Amino acid sequence: MIKLELEINEVNTILAVLGKHPFSEVVELISKIKQQGDPQAQVIAAADAATAVTDVEVKNPPTE
């Protein structure tokens, strides 16, 4: 087994290319990529959302 580190856009490119192949040939590979990637993407999205909220709070501090 090997482990790869890819950017989300790189994984999406791989999935797009696989999507052009016959479904029966790539379904298991696509499933494995999604199964492993989805939880990681959710963590990244949550971190990005938290950063966005922090940025808004810093740029627009509450006025008292």
PDB file of N, CA and C in Angstrom:
ATOM      1  N   MET A   1       0.847  -1.170   0.000  1.00  0.00           N
ATOM      2  CA  MET A   1       0.000   0.000   0.000  1.00  0.00           C
ATOM      3  C   MET A   1       0.897   1.239   0.000  1.00  0.00           C
ATOM      4  N   ILE A   2       0.469   2.269  -0.705  1.00  0.00           N
ATOM      5  CA  ILE A   2       1.175   3.547  -0.695  1.00  0.00           C
ATOM      6  C   ILE A   2       0.213   4.639  -0.256  1.00  0.00           C
ATOM      7  N   LYS A   3       0.765   5.713   0.235  1.00  0.00           N
ATOM      8  CA  LYS A   3      -0.036   6.877   0.625  1.00  0.00           C
ATOM      9  C   LYS A   3       0.436   8.052  -0.204  1.00  0.00           C
ATOM     10  N   LEU A   4      -0.508   8.814  -0.717  1.00  0.00           N
ATOM     11  CA  LEU A   4      -0.210   9.991  -1.518  1.00  0.00           C
ATOM     12  C   LEU A   4      -0.766  11.217  -0.814  1.00  0.00           C
ATOM     13  N   GLU A   5      -0.117  12.338  -0.992  1.00  0.00           N
ATOM     14  CA  GLU A   5      -0.648  13.599  -0.494  1.00  0.00           C
ATOM     15  C   GLU A   5      -0.919  14.474  -1.701  1.00  0.00           C
ATOM     16  N   LEU A   6      -2.195  14.785  -1.910  1.00  0.00           N
ATOM     17  CA  LEU A   6      -2.624  15.564  -3.068  1.00  0.00           C
ATOM     18  C   LEU A   6      -3.501  16.716  -2.623  1.00  0.00           C
ATOM     19  N   GLU A   7      -3.479  17.792  -3.390  1.00  0.00           N
ATOM     20  CA  GLU A   7      -4.399  18.902  -3.163  1.00  0.00           C
ATOM     21  C   GLU A   7      -5.798  18.464  -3.607  1.00  0.00           C
ATOM     22  N   ILE A   8      -6.816  19.106  -3.050  1.00  0.00           N
ATOM     23  CA  ILE A   8      -8.192  18.746  -3.406  1.00  0.00           C
ATOM     24  C   ILE A   8      -8.416  18.870  -4.907  1.00  0.00           C
ATOM     25  N   ASN A   9      -7.896  19.921  -5.519  1.00  0.00           N
ATOM     26  CA  ASN A   9      -8.101  20.090  -6.961  1.00  0.00           C
ATOM     27  C   ASN A   9      -7.426  18.970  -7.759  1.00  0.00           C
ATOM     28  N   GLU A  10      -6.329  18.425  -7.258  1.00  0.00           N
ATOM     29  CA  GLU A  10      -5.664  17.308  -7.931  1.00  0.00           C
ATOM     30  C   GLU A  10      -6.509  16.043  -7.841  1.00  0.00           C
ATOM     31  N   VAL A  11      -7.104  15.800  -6.683  1.00  0.00           N
ATOM     32  CA  VAL A  11      -7.987  14.644  -6.522  1.00  0.00           C
ATOM     33  C   VAL A  11      -9.204  14.797  -7.432  1.00  0.00           C
ATOM     34  N   ASN A  12      -9.758  16.005  -7.491  1.00  0.00           N
ATOM     35  CA  ASN A  12     -10.910  16.239  -8.362  1.00  0.00           C
ATOM     36  C   ASN A  12     -10.550  16.001  -9.827  1.00  0.00           C
ATOM     37  N   THR A  13      -9.335  16.349 -10.233  1.00  0.00           N
ATOM     38  CA  THR A  13      -8.891  16.093 -11.603  1.00  0.00           C
ATOM     39  C   THR A  13      -8.816  14.596 -11.871  1.00  0.00           C
ATOM     40  N   ILE A  14      -8.261  13.863 -10.927  1.00  0.00           N
ATOM     41  CA  ILE A  14      -8.191  12.405 -11.075  1.00  0.00           C
ATOM     42  C   ILE A  14      -9.586  11.817 -11.195  1.00  0.00           C
ATOM     43  N   LEU A  15     -10.503  12.260 -10.335  1.00  0.00           N
ATOM     44  CA  LEU A  15     -11.881  11.750 -10.396  1.00  0.00           C
ATOM     45  C   LEU A  15     -12.543  12.102 -11.724  1.00  0.00           C
ATOM     46  N   ALA A  16     -12.278  13.289 -12.247  1.00  0.00           N
ATOM     47  CA  ALA A  16     -12.854  13.690 -13.540  1.00  0.00           C
ATOM     48  C   ALA A  16     -12.335  12.796 -14.664  1.00  0.00           C
ATOM     49  N   VAL A  17     -11.053  12.502 -14.639  1.00  0.00           N
ATOM     50  CA  VAL A  17     -10.470  11.631 -15.664  1.00  0.00           C
ATOM     51  C   VAL A  17     -11.041  10.223 -15.538  1.00  0.00           C
ATOM     52  N   LEU A  18     -11.138   9.730 -14.307  1.00  0.00           N
ATOM     53  CA  LEU A  18     -11.720   8.397 -14.108  1.00  0.00           C
ATOM     54  C   LEU A  18     -13.172   8.350 -14.575  1.00  0.00           C
ATOM     55  N   GLY A  19     -13.865   9.463 -14.420  1.00  0.00           N
ATOM     56  CA  GLY A  19     -15.265   9.524 -14.837  1.00  0.00           C
ATOM     57  C   GLY A  19     -15.460   9.360 -16.333  1.00  0.00           C
ATOM     58  N   LYS A  20     -14.407   9.497 -17.103  1.00  0.00           N
ATOM     59  CA  LYS A  20     -14.490   9.330 -18.559  1.00  0.00           C
ATOM     60  C   LYS A  20     -14.312   7.876 -18.985  1.00  0.00           C
ATOM     61  N   HIS A  21     -13.974   7.027 -18.030  1.00  0.00           N
ATOM     62  CA  HIS A  21     -13.766   5.606 -18.313  1.00  0.00           C
ATOM     63  C   HIS A  21     -15.049   4.824 -18.021  1.00  0.00           C
ATOM     64  N   PRO A  22     -15.150   3.629 -18.563  1.00  0.00           N
ATOM     65  CA  PRO A  22     -16.338   2.807 -18.272  1.00  0.00           C
ATOM     66  C   PRO A  22     -16.512   2.604 -16.762  1.00  0.00           C
ATOM     67  N   PHE A  23     -17.739   2.790 -16.322  1.00  0.00           N
ATOM     68  CA  PHE A  23     -18.062   2.736 -14.896  1.00  0.00           C
ATOM     69  C   PHE A  23     -17.563   1.453 -14.247  1.00  0.00           C
ATOM     70  N   SER A  24     -17.799   0.328 -14.891  1.00  0.00           N
ATOM     71  CA  SER A  24     -17.426  -0.961 -14.296  1.00  0.00           C
ATOM     72  C   SER A  24     -15.920  -1.082 -14.060  1.00  0.00           C
ATOM     73  N   GLU A  25     -15.118  -0.331 -14.813  1.00  0.00           N
ATOM     74  CA  GLU A  25     -13.661  -0.394 -14.660  1.00  0.00           C
ATOM     75  C   GLU A  25     -13.151   0.482 -13.520  1.00  0.00           C
ATOM     76  N   VAL A  26     -13.892   1.508 -13.142  1.00  0.00           N
ATOM     77  CA  VAL A  26     -13.365   2.487 -12.182  1.00  0.00           C
ATOM     78  C   VAL A  26     -14.190   2.646 -10.912  1.00  0.00           C
ATOM     79  N   VAL A  27     -15.321   1.985 -10.814  1.00  0.00           N
ATOM     80  CA  VAL A  27     -16.221   2.199  -9.685  1.00  0.00           C
ATOM     81  C   VAL A  27     -15.550   1.914  -8.342  1.00  0.00           C
ATOM     82  N   GLU A  28     -14.789   0.842  -8.246  1.00  0.00           N
ATOM     83  CA  GLU A  28     -14.141   0.512  -6.967  1.00  0.00           C
ATOM     84  C   GLU A  28     -13.078   1.543  -6.601  1.00  0.00           C
ATOM     85  N   LEU A  29     -12.328   2.000  -7.577  1.00  0.00           N
ATOM     86  CA  LEU A  29     -11.296   2.997  -7.315  1.00  0.00           C
ATOM     87  C   LEU A  29     -11.908   4.330  -6.899  1.00  0.00           C
ATOM     88  N   ILE A  30     -12.953   4.751  -7.591  1.00  0.00           N
ATOM     89  CA  ILE A  30     -13.636   6.000  -7.221  1.00  0.00           C
ATOM     90  C   ILE A  30     -14.201   5.893  -5.807  1.00  0.00           C
ATOM     91  N   SER A  31     -14.778   4.752  -5.487  1.00  0.00           N
ATOM     92  CA  SER A  31     -15.332   4.549  -4.140  1.00  0.00           C
ATOM     93  C   SER A  31     -14.248   4.660  -3.073  1.00  0.00           C
ATOM     94  N   LYS A  32     -13.083   4.067  -3.323  1.00  0.00           N
ATOM     95  CA  LYS A  32     -11.990   4.137  -2.349  1.00  0.00           C
ATOM     96  C   LYS A  32     -11.491   5.567  -2.183  1.00  0.00           C
ATOM     97  N   ILE A  33     -11.383   6.286  -3.291  1.00  0.00           N
ATOM     98  CA  ILE A  33     -10.925   7.678  -3.212  1.00  0.00           C
ATOM     99  C   ILE A  33     -11.920   8.503  -2.410  1.00  0.00           C
ATOM    100  N   LYS A  34     -13.207   8.353  -2.687  1.00  0.00           N
ATOM    101  CA  LYS A  34     -14.225   9.113  -1.960  1.00  0.00           C
ATOM    102  C   LYS A  34     -14.277   8.704  -0.493  1.00  0.00           C
ATOM    103  N   GLN A  35     -14.182   7.409  -0.213  1.00  0.00           N
ATOM    104  CA  GLN A  35     -14.247   6.924   1.161  1.00  0.00           C
ATOM    105  C   GLN A  35     -13.108   7.497   2.000  1.00  0.00           C
ATOM    106  N   GLN A  36     -11.927   7.589   1.420  1.00  0.00           N
ATOM    107  CA  GLN A  36     -10.783   8.110   2.153  1.00  0.00           C
ATOM    108  C   GLN A  36     -10.723   9.632   2.127  1.00  0.00           C
ATOM    109  N   GLY A  37     -11.184  10.226   1.042  1.00  0.00           N
ATOM    110  CA  GLY A  37     -11.063  11.667   0.873  1.00  0.00           C
ATOM    111  C   GLY A  37     -12.150  12.490   1.522  1.00  0.00           C
ATOM    112  N   ASP A  38     -13.376  11.973   1.540  1.00  0.00           N
ATOM    113  CA  ASP A  38     -14.491  12.759   2.081  1.00  0.00           C
ATOM    114  C   ASP A  38     -14.278  13.214   3.523  1.00  0.00           C
ATOM    115  N   PRO A  39     -13.877  12.326   4.428  1.00  0.00           N
ATOM    116  CA  PRO A  39     -13.656  12.798   5.811  1.00  0.00           C
ATOM    117  C   PRO A  39     -12.567  13.867   5.906  1.00  0.00           C
ATOM    118  N   GLN A  40     -11.519  13.730   5.099  1.00  0.00           N
ATOM    119  CA  GLN A  40     -10.448  14.723   5.113  1.00  0.00           C
ATOM    120  C   GLN A  40     -10.938  16.053   4.556  1.00  0.00           C
ATOM    121  N   ALA A  41     -11.741  15.998   3.498  1.00  0.00           N
ATOM    122  CA  ALA A  41     -12.278  17.225   2.900  1.00  0.00           C
ATOM    123  C   ALA A  41     -13.205  17.941   3.882  1.00  0.00           C
ATOM    124  N   GLN A  42     -13.963  17.183   4.671  1.00  0.00           N
ATOM    125  CA  GLN A  42     -14.851  17.791   5.661  1.00  0.00           C
ATOM    126  C   GLN A  42     -14.050  18.526   6.732  1.00  0.00           C
ATOM    127  N   VAL A  43     -12.936  17.956   7.153  1.00  0.00           N
ATOM    128  CA  VAL A  43     -12.075  18.608   8.148  1.00  0.00           C
ATOM    129  C   VAL A  43     -11.512  19.913   7.581  1.00  0.00           C
ATOM    130  N   ILE A  44     -11.076  19.863   6.324  1.00  0.00           N
ATOM    131  CA  ILE A  44     -10.533  21.061   5.673  1.00  0.00           C
ATOM    132  C   ILE A  44     -11.615  22.134   5.555  1.00  0.00           C
ATOM    133  N   ALA A  45     -12.817  21.731   5.149  1.00  0.00           N
ATOM    134  CA  ALA A  45     -13.916  22.686   4.996  1.00  0.00           C
ATOM    135  C   ALA A  45     -14.275  23.322   6.339  1.00  0.00           C
ATOM    136  N   ALA A  46     -14.288  22.529   7.400  1.00  0.00           N
ATOM    137  CA  ALA A  46     -14.600  23.064   8.728  1.00  0.00           C
ATOM    138  C   ALA A  46     -13.523  24.052   9.182  1.00  0.00           C
ATOM    139  N   ALA A  47     -12.272  23.723   8.916  1.00  0.00           N
ATOM    140  CA  ALA A  47     -11.182  24.624   9.283  1.00  0.00           C
ATOM    141  C   ALA A  47     -11.268  25.924   8.491  1.00  0.00           C
ATOM    142  N   ASP A  48     -11.591  25.822   7.201  1.00  0.00           N
ATOM    143  CA  ASP A  48     -11.743  27.021   6.370  1.00  0.00           C
ATOM    144  C   ASP A  48     -12.899  27.882   6.864  1.00  0.00           C
ATOM    145  N   ALA A  49     -13.993  27.241   7.260  1.00  0.00           N
ATOM    146  CA  ALA A  49     -15.154  27.982   7.761  1.00  0.00           C
ATOM    147  C   ALA A  49     -14.804  28.692   9.067  1.00  0.00           C
ATOM    148  N   ALA A  50     -14.063  28.020   9.937  1.00  0.00           N
ATOM    149  CA  ALA A  50     -13.666  28.630  11.201  1.00  0.00           C
ATOM    150  C   ALA A  50     -12.747  29.824  10.951  1.00  0.00           C
ATOM    151  N   THR A  51     -11.869  29.703   9.999  1.00  0.00           N
ATOM    152  CA  THR A  51     -10.971  30.807   9.648  1.00  0.00           C
ATOM    153  C   THR A  51     -11.765  31.975   9.086  1.00  0.00           C
ATOM    154  N   ALA A  52     -12.755  31.690   8.254  1.00  0.00           N
ATOM    155  CA  ALA A  52     -13.576  32.749   7.664  1.00  0.00           C
ATOM    156  C   ALA A  52     -14.326  33.509   8.761  1.00  0.00           C
ATOM    157  N   VAL A  53     -14.854  32.800   9.737  1.00  0.00           N
ATOM    158  CA  VAL A  53     -15.578  33.446  10.833  1.00  0.00           C
ATOM    159  C   VAL A  53     -14.618  34.315  11.631  1.00  0.00           C
ATOM    160  N   THR A  54     -13.433  33.819  11.911  1.00  0.00           N
ATOM    161  CA  THR A  54     -12.436  34.587  12.658  1.00  0.00           C
ATOM    162  C   THR A  54     -12.045  35.835  11.890  1.00  0.00           C
ATOM    163  N   ASP A  55     -11.855  35.708  10.580  1.00  0.00           N
ATOM    164  CA  ASP A  55     -11.498  36.863   9.754  1.00  0.00           C
ATOM    165  C   ASP A  55     -12.588  37.930   9.799  1.00  0.00           C
ATOM    166  N   VAL A  56     -13.835  37.521   9.752  1.00  0.00           N
ATOM    167  CA  VAL A  56     -14.943  38.476   9.797  1.00  0.00           C
ATOM    168  C   VAL A  56     -14.957  39.176  11.147  1.00  0.00           C
ATOM    169  N   GLU A  57     -14.754  38.425  12.212  1.00  0.00           N
ATOM    170  CA  GLU A  57     -14.760  39.020  13.546  1.00  0.00           C
ATOM    171  C   GLU A  57     -13.622  40.027  13.701  1.00  0.00           C
ATOM    172  N   VAL A  58     -12.463  39.730  13.152  1.00  0.00           N
ATOM    173  CA  VAL A  58     -11.323  40.632  13.264  1.00  0.00           C
ATOM    174  C   VAL A  58     -11.553  41.875  12.401  1.00  0.00           C
ATOM    175  N   LYS A  59     -12.077  41.705  11.202  1.00  0.00           N
ATOM    176  CA  LYS A  59     -12.295  42.835  10.315  1.00  0.00           C
ATOM    177  C   LYS A  59     -13.443  43.714  10.782  1.00  0.00           C
ATOM    178  N   ASN A  60     -14.415  43.110  11.437  1.00  0.00           N
ATOM    179  CA  ASN A  60     -15.592  43.850  11.887  1.00  0.00           C
ATOM    180  C   ASN A  60     -15.805  43.617  13.380  1.00  0.00           C
ATOM    181  N   PRO A  61     -14.910  44.139  14.218  1.00  0.00           N
ATOM    182  CA  PRO A  61     -15.078  43.920  15.654  1.00  0.00           C
ATOM    183  C   PRO A  61     -16.377  44.561  16.143  1.00  0.00           C
ATOM    184  N   PRO A  62     -16.996  43.936  17.129  1.00  0.00           N
ATOM    185  CA  PRO A  62     -18.247  44.513  17.648  1.00  0.00           C
ATOM    186  C   PRO A  62     -18.013  45.888  18.257  1.00  0.00           C
ATOM    187  N   THR A  63     -18.957  46.756  18.054  1.00  0.00           N
ATOM    188  CA  THR A  63     -18.868  48.091  18.656  1.00  0.00           C
ATOM    189  C   THR A  63     -19.775  48.116  19.868  1.00  0.00           C
ATOM    190  N   GLU A  64     -19.279  48.750  20.908  1.00  0.00           N
ATOM    191  CA  GLU A  64     -20.071  48.746  22.161  1.00  0.00           C
ATOM    192  C   GLU A  64     -20.601  50.131  22.432  1.00  0.00           C
TER     193      GLU A  64
END
